[in-house]
């Protein structure tokens, strides 16, 4: 079960938190901002994130977050 506190935390992550959660998967992305979009049908938290390509260019993608209650950790994937 995801508690109310965990739900609040998972739906208000910053781009810094998402960058940390991505770990090595996110090395090529330098996230600059994020916006929580909602929950997917599969129960993942979905964020729209922007990242720098170079000094003048940005792009965006989605990051999907799951909570693993066994390890008490957040798992992030880039979509």
PDB file of N, CA and C in Angstrom:
ATOM      1  N   UNK A   1       0.845  -1.180   0.000  1.00  0.00           N
ATOM      2  CA  UNK A   1       0.000   0.000   0.000  1.00  0.00           C
ATOM      3  C   UNK A   1       0.890   1.245   0.000  1.00  0.00           C
ATOM      4  N   UNK A   2       0.473   2.225  -0.759  1.00  0.00           N
ATOM      5  CA  UNK A   2       1.146   3.517  -0.733  1.00  0.00           C
ATOM      6  C   UNK A   2       0.367   4.397   0.246  1.00  0.00           C
ATOM      7  N   UNK A   3       1.038   4.848   1.278  1.00  0.00           N
ATOM      8  CA  UNK A   3       0.388   5.685   2.286  1.00  0.00           C
ATOM      9  C   UNK A   3       0.123   7.075   1.729  1.00  0.00           C
ATOM     10  N   UNK A   4      -0.713   7.834   2.427  1.00  0.00           N
ATOM     11  CA  UNK A   4      -1.026   9.202   2.008  1.00  0.00           C
ATOM     12  C   UNK A   4       0.238  10.055   1.975  1.00  0.00           C
ATOM     13  N   UNK A   5       1.117   9.881   2.960  1.00  0.00           N
ATOM     14  CA  UNK A   5       2.371  10.639   2.979  1.00  0.00           C
ATOM     15  C   UNK A   5       3.254  10.289   1.785  1.00  0.00           C
ATOM     16  N   UNK A   6       3.336   8.987   1.465  1.00  0.00           N
ATOM     17  CA  UNK A   6       4.154   8.555   0.322  1.00  0.00           C
ATOM     18  C   UNK A   6       3.551   9.067  -0.986  1.00  0.00           C
ATOM     19  N   UNK A   7       2.225   9.049  -1.083  1.00  0.00           N
ATOM     20  CA  UNK A   7       1.543   9.559  -2.269  1.00  0.00           C
ATOM     21  C   UNK A   7       1.833  11.046  -2.461  1.00  0.00           C
ATOM     22  N   UNK A   8       1.788  11.796  -1.383  1.00  0.00           N
ATOM     23  CA  UNK A   8       2.080  13.236  -1.448  1.00  0.00           C
ATOM     24  C   UNK A   8       3.524  13.463  -1.892  1.00  0.00           C
ATOM     25  N   UNK A   9       4.447  12.701  -1.323  1.00  0.00           N
ATOM     26  CA  UNK A   9       5.860  12.835  -1.675  1.00  0.00           C
ATOM     27  C   UNK A   9       6.110  12.453  -3.135  1.00  0.00           C
ATOM     28  N   UNK A  10       5.520  11.356  -3.580  1.00  0.00           N
ATOM     29  CA  UNK A  10       5.756  10.864  -4.944  1.00  0.00           C
ATOM     30  C   UNK A  10       5.156  11.789  -6.005  1.00  0.00           C
ATOM     31  N   UNK A  11       4.142  12.563  -5.644  1.00  0.00           N
ATOM     32  CA  UNK A  11       3.512  13.447  -6.617  1.00  0.00           C
ATOM     33  C   UNK A  11       4.075  14.871  -6.573  1.00  0.00           C
ATOM     34  N   UNK A  12       5.083  15.090  -5.748  1.00  0.00           N
ATOM     35  CA  UNK A  12       5.659  16.436  -5.663  1.00  0.00           C
ATOM     36  C   UNK A  12       7.187  16.431  -5.739  1.00  0.00           C
ATOM     37  N   UNK A  13       7.743  15.482  -6.488  1.00  0.00           N
ATOM     38  CA  UNK A  13       9.189  15.420  -6.661  1.00  0.00           C
ATOM     39  C   UNK A  13       9.675  16.555  -7.557  1.00  0.00           C
ATOM     40  N   UNK A  14      10.831  17.096  -7.247  1.00  0.00           N
ATOM     41  CA  UNK A  14      11.429  18.137  -8.079  1.00  0.00           C
ATOM     42  C   UNK A  14      12.298  17.491  -9.164  1.00  0.00           C
ATOM     43  N   UNK A  15      12.760  18.306 -10.105  1.00  0.00           N
ATOM     44  CA  UNK A  15      13.646  17.758 -11.145  1.00  0.00           C
ATOM     45  C   UNK A  15      14.953  17.264 -10.537  1.00  0.00           C
ATOM     46  N   UNK A  16      15.370  17.827  -9.412  1.00  0.00           N
ATOM     47  CA  UNK A  16      16.574  17.337  -8.731  1.00  0.00           C
ATOM     48  C   UNK A  16      16.346  15.917  -8.195  1.00  0.00           C
ATOM     49  N   UNK A  17      15.190  15.692  -7.588  1.00  0.00           N
ATOM     50  CA  UNK A  17      14.861  14.352  -7.085  1.00  0.00           C
ATOM     51  C   UNK A  17      14.797  13.340  -8.230  1.00  0.00           C
ATOM     52  N   UNK A  18      14.174  13.752  -9.332  1.00  0.00           N
ATOM     53  CA  UNK A  18      14.055  12.854 -10.479  1.00  0.00           C
ATOM     54  C   UNK A  18      15.423  12.532 -11.072  1.00  0.00           C
ATOM     55  N   UNK A  19      16.299  13.527 -11.139  1.00  0.00           N
ATOM     56  CA  UNK A  19      17.659  13.301 -11.644  1.00  0.00           C
ATOM     57  C   UNK A  19      18.364  12.274 -10.768  1.00  0.00           C
ATOM     58  N   UNK A  20      18.246  12.412  -9.452  1.00  0.00           N
ATOM     59  CA  UNK A  20      18.857  11.453  -8.521  1.00  0.00           C
ATOM     60  C   UNK A  20      18.253  10.067  -8.692  1.00  0.00           C
ATOM     61  N   UNK A  21      16.931   9.996  -8.848  1.00  0.00           N
ATOM     62  CA  UNK A  21      16.251   8.700  -8.990  1.00  0.00           C
ATOM     63  C   UNK A  21      16.653   7.998 -10.282  1.00  0.00           C
ATOM     64  N   UNK A  22      16.940   8.760 -11.324  1.00  0.00           N
ATOM     65  CA  UNK A  22      17.363   8.164 -12.596  1.00  0.00           C
ATOM     66  C   UNK A  22      18.764   7.572 -12.503  1.00  0.00           C
ATOM     67  N   UNK A  23      19.613   8.115 -11.643  1.00  0.00           N
ATOM     68  CA  UNK A  23      20.971   7.592 -11.470  1.00  0.00           C
ATOM     69  C   UNK A  23      21.718   7.544 -12.784  1.00  0.00           C
ATOM     70  N   UNK A  24      22.340   6.416 -13.075  1.00  0.00           N
ATOM     71  CA  UNK A  24      23.126   6.256 -14.306  1.00  0.00           C
ATOM     72  C   UNK A  24      22.273   6.341 -15.561  1.00  0.00           C
ATOM     73  N   UNK A  25      20.989   5.969 -15.457  1.00  0.00           N
ATOM     74  CA  UNK A  25      20.100   6.036 -16.624  1.00  0.00           C
ATOM     75  C   UNK A  25      19.911   7.473 -17.093  1.00  0.00           C
ATOM     76  N   UNK A  26      20.092   8.434 -16.190  1.00  0.00           N
ATOM     77  CA  UNK A  26      19.846   9.824 -16.528  1.00  0.00           C
ATOM     78  C   UNK A  26      21.083  10.657 -16.755  1.00  0.00           C
ATOM     79  N   UNK A  27      22.246  10.005 -16.894  1.00  0.00           N
ATOM     80  CA  UNK A  27      23.496  10.763 -17.032  1.00  0.00           C
ATOM     81  C   UNK A  27      23.513  11.687 -18.235  1.00  0.00           C
ATOM     82  N   UNK A  28      22.893  11.278 -19.338  1.00  0.00           N
ATOM     83  CA  UNK A  28      22.933  12.138 -20.524  1.00  0.00           C
ATOM     84  C   UNK A  28      21.893  13.255 -20.454  1.00  0.00           C
ATOM     85  N   UNK A  29      21.024  13.219 -19.440  1.00  0.00           N
ATOM     86  CA  UNK A  29      19.999  14.249 -19.275  1.00  0.00           C
ATOM     87  C   UNK A  29      20.381  15.171 -18.128  1.00  0.00           C
ATOM     88  N   UNK A  30      20.351  16.472 -18.380  1.00  0.00           N
ATOM     89  CA  UNK A  30      20.534  17.470 -17.315  1.00  0.00           C
ATOM     90  C   UNK A  30      19.188  18.140 -17.130  1.00  0.00           C
ATOM     91  N   UNK A  31      18.382  17.581 -16.235  1.00  0.00           N
ATOM     92  CA  UNK A  31      17.019  18.056 -16.044  1.00  0.00           C
ATOM     93  C   UNK A  31      17.020  19.485 -15.517  1.00  0.00           C
ATOM     94  N   UNK A  32      16.124  20.294 -16.068  1.00  0.00           N
ATOM     95  CA  UNK A  32      16.031  21.692 -15.648  1.00  0.00           C
ATOM     96  C   UNK A  32      14.698  22.016 -14.979  1.00  0.00           C
ATOM     97  N   UNK A  33      13.668  21.226 -15.255  1.00  0.00           N
ATOM     98  CA  UNK A  33      12.373  21.432 -14.607  1.00  0.00           C
ATOM     99  C   UNK A  33      11.513  20.185 -14.772  1.00  0.00           C
ATOM    100  N   UNK A  34      10.464  20.103 -13.966  1.00  0.00           N
ATOM    101  CA  UNK A  34       9.565  18.963 -14.046  1.00  0.00           C
ATOM    102  C   UNK A  34       8.164  19.370 -13.629  1.00  0.00           C
ATOM    103  N   UNK A  35       7.188  18.607 -14.124  1.00  0.00           N
ATOM    104  CA  UNK A  35       5.791  18.834 -13.759  1.00  0.00           C
ATOM    105  C   UNK A  35       5.118  17.474 -13.617  1.00  0.00           C
ATOM    106  N   UNK A  36       4.462  17.265 -12.489  1.00  0.00           N
ATOM    107  CA  UNK A  36       3.723  16.025 -12.267  1.00  0.00           C
ATOM    108  C   UNK A  36       2.488  16.021 -13.164  1.00  0.00           C
ATOM    109  N   UNK A  37       2.329  14.949 -13.948  1.00  0.00           N
ATOM    110  CA  UNK A  37       1.187  14.848 -14.860  1.00  0.00           C
ATOM    111  C   UNK A  37       0.048  14.013 -14.295  1.00  0.00           C
ATOM    112  N   UNK A  38       0.384  12.956 -13.543  1.00  0.00           N
ATOM    113  CA  UNK A  38      -0.649  12.083 -12.998  1.00  0.00           C
ATOM    114  C   UNK A  38      -0.156  10.662 -12.864  1.00  0.00           C
ATOM    115  N   UNK A  39      -1.106   9.755 -12.634  1.00  0.00           N
ATOM    116  CA  UNK A  39      -0.803   8.332 -12.497  1.00  0.00           C
ATOM    117  C   UNK A  39      -1.181   7.615 -13.786  1.00  0.00           C
ATOM    118  N   UNK A  40      -0.331   6.696 -14.202  1.00  0.00           N
ATOM    119  CA  UNK A  40      -0.639   5.891 -15.390  1.00  0.00           C
ATOM    120  C   UNK A  40      -1.601   4.771 -15.004  1.00  0.00           C
ATOM    121  N   UNK A  41      -2.138   4.093 -16.005  1.00  0.00           N
ATOM    122  CA  UNK A  41      -3.016   2.941 -15.751  1.00  0.00           C
ATOM    123  C   UNK A  41      -2.275   1.838 -15.013  1.00  0.00           C
ATOM    124  N   UNK A  42      -0.950   1.796 -15.161  1.00  0.00           N
ATOM    125  CA  UNK A  42      -0.128   0.794 -14.500  1.00  0.00           C
ATOM    126  C   UNK A  42       0.330   1.199 -13.106  1.00  0.00           C
ATOM    127  N   UNK A  43      -0.141   2.344 -12.615  1.00  0.00           N
ATOM    128  CA  UNK A  43       0.196   2.782 -11.267  1.00  0.00           C
ATOM    129  C   UNK A  43       1.521   3.511 -11.139  1.00  0.00           C
ATOM    130  N   UNK A  44       2.078   3.969 -12.262  1.00  0.00           N
ATOM    131  CA  UNK A  44       3.317   4.736 -12.212  1.00  0.00           C
ATOM    132  C   UNK A  44       2.991   6.229 -12.130  1.00  0.00           C
ATOM    133  N   UNK A  45       3.845   6.966 -11.437  1.00  0.00           N
ATOM    134  CA  UNK A  45       3.730   8.412 -11.376  1.00  0.00           C
ATOM    135  C   UNK A  45       4.441   8.967 -12.600  1.00  0.00           C
ATOM    136  N   UNK A  46       3.762   9.826 -13.350  1.00  0.00           N
ATOM    137  CA  UNK A  46       4.316  10.333 -14.602  1.00  0.00           C
ATOM    138  C   UNK A  46       4.649  11.810 -14.472  1.00  0.00           C
ATOM    139  N   UNK A  47       5.875  12.154 -14.873  1.00  0.00           N
ATOM    140  CA  UNK A  47       6.348  13.537 -14.862  1.00  0.00           C
ATOM    141  C   UNK A  47       6.774  13.942 -16.266  1.00  0.00           C
ATOM    142  N   UNK A  48       6.476  15.174 -16.635  1.00  0.00           N
ATOM    143  CA  UNK A  48       7.002  15.765 -17.856  1.00  0.00           C
ATOM    144  C   UNK A  48       8.235  16.547 -17.434  1.00  0.00           C
ATOM    145  N   UNK A  49       9.381  16.250 -18.037  1.00  0.00           N
ATOM    146  CA  UNK A  49      10.628  16.895 -17.650  1.00  0.00           C
ATOM    147  C   UNK A  49      11.270  17.577 -18.854  1.00  0.00           C
ATOM    148  N   UNK A  50      11.952  18.686 -18.569  1.00  0.00           N
ATOM    149  CA  UNK A  50      12.744  19.384 -19.573  1.00  0.00           C
ATOM    150  C   UNK A  50      14.213  19.202 -19.229  1.00  0.00           C
ATOM    151  N   UNK A  51      15.048  19.123 -20.261  1.00  0.00           N
ATOM    152  CA  UNK A  51      16.481  18.965 -20.050  1.00  0.00           C
ATOM    153  C   UNK A  51      17.247  19.770 -21.087  1.00  0.00           C
ATOM    154  N   UNK A  52      18.476  20.116 -20.729  1.00  0.00           N
ATOM    155  CA  UNK A  52      19.344  20.885 -21.613  1.00  0.00           C
ATOM    156  C   UNK A  52      20.025  19.959 -22.611  1.00  0.00           C
ATOM    157  N   UNK A  53      20.044  20.395 -23.850  1.00  0.00           N
ATOM    158  CA  UNK A  53      20.831  19.715 -24.876  1.00  0.00           C
ATOM    159  C   UNK A  53      22.168  20.432 -24.997  1.00  0.00           C
ATOM    160  N   UNK A  54      22.111  21.750 -25.058  1.00  0.00           N
ATOM    161  CA  UNK A  54      23.301  22.605 -25.028  1.00  0.00           C
ATOM    162  C   UNK A  54      22.899  23.928 -24.381  1.00  0.00           C
ATOM    163  N   UNK A  55      23.748  24.922 -24.473  1.00  0.00           N
ATOM    164  CA  UNK A  55      23.498  26.189 -23.773  1.00  0.00           C
ATOM    165  C   UNK A  55      22.193  26.860 -24.198  1.00  0.00           C
ATOM    166  N   UNK A  56      21.787  26.681 -25.454  1.00  0.00           N
ATOM    167  CA  UNK A  56      20.611  27.383 -25.967  1.00  0.00           C
ATOM    168  C   UNK A  56      19.436  26.486 -26.316  1.00  0.00           C
ATOM    169  N   UNK A  57      19.581  25.195 -26.188  1.00  0.00           N
ATOM    170  CA  UNK A  57      18.541  24.294 -26.659  1.00  0.00           C
ATOM    171  C   UNK A  57      18.078  23.365 -25.545  1.00  0.00           C
ATOM    172  N   UNK A  58      16.750  23.206 -25.467  1.00  0.00           N
ATOM    173  CA  UNK A  58      16.154  22.291 -24.495  1.00  0.00           C
ATOM    174  C   UNK A  58      15.218  21.329 -25.214  1.00  0.00           C
ATOM    175  N   UNK A  59      14.976  20.204 -24.577  1.00  0.00           N
ATOM    176  CA  UNK A  59      14.015  19.233 -25.089  1.00  0.00           C
ATOM    177  C   UNK A  59      13.248  18.695 -23.896  1.00  0.00           C
ATOM    178  N   UNK A  60      12.289  17.829 -24.156  1.00  0.00           N
ATOM    179  CA  UNK A  60      11.516  17.276 -23.054  1.00  0.00           C
ATOM    180  C   UNK A  60      11.216  15.808 -23.290  1.00  0.00           C
ATOM    181  N   UNK A  61      10.872  15.123 -22.223  1.00  0.00           N
ATOM    182  CA  UNK A  61      10.478  13.725 -22.261  1.00  0.00           C
ATOM    183  C   UNK A  61       9.651  13.455 -21.012  1.00  0.00           C
ATOM    184  N   UNK A  62       9.290  12.215 -20.821  1.00  0.00           N
ATOM    185  CA  UNK A  62       8.563  11.833 -19.616  1.00  0.00           C
ATOM    186  C   UNK A  62       9.436  10.929 -18.766  1.00  0.00           C
ATOM    187  N   UNK A  63       9.255  11.044 -17.466  1.00  0.00           N
ATOM    188  CA  UNK A  63       9.905  10.160 -16.500  1.00  0.00           C
ATOM    189  C   UNK A  63       8.801   9.464 -15.718  1.00  0.00           C
ATOM    190  N   UNK A  64       8.927   8.149 -15.583  1.00  0.00           N
ATOM    191  CA  UNK A  64       7.944   7.343 -14.870  1.00  0.00           C
ATOM    192  C   UNK A  64       8.564   6.843 -13.571  1.00  0.00           C
ATOM    193  N   UNK A  65       7.817   6.984 -12.487  1.00  0.00           N
ATOM    194  CA  UNK A  65       8.303   6.667 -11.154  1.00  0.00           C
ATOM    195  C   UNK A  65       7.443   5.567 -10.547  1.00  0.00           C
ATOM    196  N   UNK A  66       8.107   4.577  -9.963  1.00  0.00           N
ATOM    197  CA  UNK A  66       7.436   3.524  -9.192  1.00  0.00           C
ATOM    198  C   UNK A  66       8.044   3.506  -7.802  1.00  0.00           C
ATOM    199  N   UNK A  67       7.255   3.097  -6.850  1.00  0.00           N
ATOM    200  CA  UNK A  67       7.766   2.930  -5.493  1.00  0.00           C
ATOM    201  C   UNK A  67       7.864   1.446  -5.199  1.00  0.00           C
ATOM    202  N   UNK A  68       9.052   0.996  -4.761  1.00  0.00           N
ATOM    203  CA  UNK A  68       9.268  -0.400  -4.380  1.00  0.00           C
ATOM    204  C   UNK A  68       9.167  -0.485  -2.862  1.00  0.00           C
ATOM    205  N   UNK A  69       8.057  -1.015  -2.328  1.00  0.00           N
ATOM    206  CA  UNK A  69       7.888  -1.059  -0.873  1.00  0.00           C
ATOM    207  C   UNK A  69       8.849  -2.026  -0.183  1.00  0.00           C
ATOM    208  N   UNK A  70       9.341  -3.013  -0.911  1.00  0.00           N
ATOM    209  CA  UNK A  70      10.271  -3.978  -0.327  1.00  0.00           C
ATOM    210  C   UNK A  70      11.593  -3.317   0.032  1.00  0.00           C
ATOM    211  N   UNK A  71      12.092  -2.483  -0.872  1.00  0.00           N
ATOM    212  CA  UNK A  71      13.370  -1.808  -0.642  1.00  0.00           C
ATOM    213  C   UNK A  71      13.193  -0.377  -0.139  1.00  0.00           C
ATOM    214  N   UNK A  72      11.942   0.099  -0.108  1.00  0.00           N
ATOM    215  CA  UNK A  72      11.627   1.465   0.296  1.00  0.00           C
ATOM    216  C   UNK A  72      12.376   2.482  -0.576  1.00  0.00           C
ATOM    217  N   UNK A  73      12.397   2.189  -1.889  1.00  0.00           N
ATOM    218  CA  UNK A  73      13.122   3.058  -2.825  1.00  0.00           C
ATOM    219  C   UNK A  73      12.224   3.421  -4.020  1.00  0.00           C
ATOM    220  N   UNK A  74      12.580   4.535  -4.632  1.00  0.00           N
ATOM    221  CA  UNK A  74      11.917   5.008  -5.841  1.00  0.00           C
ATOM    222  C   UNK A  74      12.698   4.496  -7.042  1.00  0.00           C
ATOM    223  N   UNK A  75      11.965   3.982  -8.031  1.00  0.00           N
ATOM    224  CA  UNK A  75      12.564   3.481  -9.275  1.00  0.00           C
ATOM    225  C   UNK A  75      12.081   4.376 -10.408  1.00  0.00           C
ATOM    226  N   UNK A  76      13.012   4.934 -11.175  1.00  0.00           N
ATOM    227  CA  UNK A  76      12.667   5.852 -12.255  1.00  0.00           C
ATOM    228  C   UNK A  76      13.110   5.295 -13.602  1.00  0.00           C
ATOM    229  N   UNK A  77      12.269   5.524 -14.613  1.00  0.00           N
ATOM    230  CA  UNK A  77      12.614   5.175 -15.988  1.00  0.00           C
ATOM    231  C   UNK A  77      12.259   6.341 -16.895  1.00  0.00           C
ATOM    232  N   UNK A  78      12.984   6.461 -17.982  1.00  0.00           N
ATOM    233  CA  UNK A  78      12.730   7.513 -18.958  1.00  0.00           C
ATOM    234  C   UNK A  78      11.865   6.925 -20.051  1.00  0.00           C
ATOM    235  N   UNK A  79      10.814   7.666 -20.427  1.00  0.00           N
ATOM    236  CA  UNK A  79       9.890   7.157 -21.425  1.00  0.00           C
ATOM    237  C   UNK A  79       9.969   7.871 -22.658  1.00  0.00           C
TER     238      UNK A  79
END
